[in-house]
Amino acid sequence: MTFPEARTTPRARTGDPTGDAQLRRVLGLPSLILFGLVYMGRTLVIGAVWLSAGVLYLGILTRGFRRPPPTLTLAH
């Protein structure tokens, strides 16, 4: 069945989902949630480690946050 024929079937005109559309609807949200848990979780861990390293580095530069942090001065 070609695409124009699928568009003119009675099932498509009544809004009743076909097998492919129903499969996409059923698997769409769970696959997005799984993607978020797998890849975004890893990203959050890497981001937390990066943030911790930055805070540790700033703590070392400021000698335990007792000195002001270094600033960047741009002269024109």
Protein backbone atom coordinates (compact mmCIF):
# COMPACT_ATOMS: atom_id res chain seq x y z
CA MET A 1 0.00 0.00 0.00
CA THR A 2 1.44 3.36 -0.97
CA PHE A 3 1.19 6.53 1.06
CA PRO A 4 -1.76 8.16 -0.84
CA GLU A 5 -3.77 4.92 -0.59
CA ALA A 6 -3.18 4.74 3.15
CA ARG A 7 -4.51 8.27 3.51
CA THR A 8 -7.84 7.41 1.82
CA THR A 9 -8.68 4.25 3.75
CA PRO A 10 -11.80 4.41 5.94
CA ARG A 11 -9.69 3.70 9.03
CA ALA A 12 -7.48 6.75 8.39
CA ARG A 13 -10.49 8.99 7.70
CA THR A 14 -12.19 8.11 10.98
CA GLY A 15 -9.08 8.79 13.03
CA ASP A 16 -8.75 5.16 14.13
CA PRO A 17 -5.01 4.54 14.52
CA THR A 18 -3.37 2.05 12.22
CA GLY A 19 -0.95 -0.54 13.54
CA ASP A 20 2.13 1.62 12.85
CA ALA A 21 0.64 4.75 14.39
CA GLN A 22 -0.52 2.85 17.44
CA LEU A 23 2.93 1.26 17.86
CA ARG A 24 4.60 4.68 17.67
CA ARG A 25 2.14 6.04 20.22
CA VAL A 26 2.70 3.16 22.64
CA LEU A 27 6.51 3.10 22.34
CA GLY A 28 7.14 6.84 21.95
CA LEU A 29 6.94 8.08 25.53
CA PRO A 30 8.60 5.08 27.21
CA SER A 31 11.51 5.26 24.78
CA LEU A 32 11.96 8.98 25.54
CA ILE A 33 11.92 8.27 29.27
CA LEU A 34 14.47 5.48 28.83
CA PHE A 35 16.69 7.78 26.75
CA GLY A 36 16.47 10.42 29.44
CA LEU A 37 17.37 8.01 32.21
CA VAL A 38 20.31 6.47 30.39
CA TYR A 39 21.94 9.40 28.63
CA MET A 40 20.82 12.39 30.66
CA GLY A 41 21.72 10.61 33.90
CA ARG A 42 25.26 10.15 32.64
CA THR A 43 25.36 13.79 31.59
CA LEU A 44 24.20 14.94 35.01
CA VAL A 45 26.92 12.89 36.70
CA ILE A 46 29.59 14.35 34.41
CA GLY A 47 28.24 17.84 35.06
CA ALA A 48 28.26 17.29 38.83
CA VAL A 49 31.86 16.08 38.70
CA TRP A 50 32.83 19.12 36.59
CA LEU A 51 31.11 21.48 39.05
CA SER A 52 32.79 19.81 42.01
CA ALA A 53 36.20 20.12 40.35
CA GLY A 54 35.58 23.82 39.74
CA VAL A 55 34.55 24.46 43.33
CA LEU A 56 37.58 22.53 44.57
CA TYR A 57 39.89 24.52 42.27
CA LEU A 58 38.35 27.80 43.43
CA GLY A 59 38.78 26.71 47.03
CA ILE A 60 42.46 26.07 46.42
CA LEU A 61 42.95 29.42 44.63
CA THR A 62 41.24 31.37 47.41
CA ARG A 63 42.98 29.39 50.18
CA GLY A 64 39.80 27.99 51.62
CA PHE A 65 37.63 30.92 50.46
CA ARG A 66 39.48 33.33 52.76
CA ARG A 67 40.84 35.49 49.92
CA PRO A 68 38.84 37.09 47.13
CA PRO A 69 38.70 35.10 43.90
CA PRO A 70 40.96 36.22 41.05
CA THR A 71 39.36 38.55 38.54
CA LEU A 72 40.00 39.13 34.87
CA THR A 73 40.66 42.74 33.92
CA LEU A 74 40.28 43.63 30.27
CA ALA A 75 41.89 46.93 29.25
CA HIS A 76 40.79 48.54 26.02
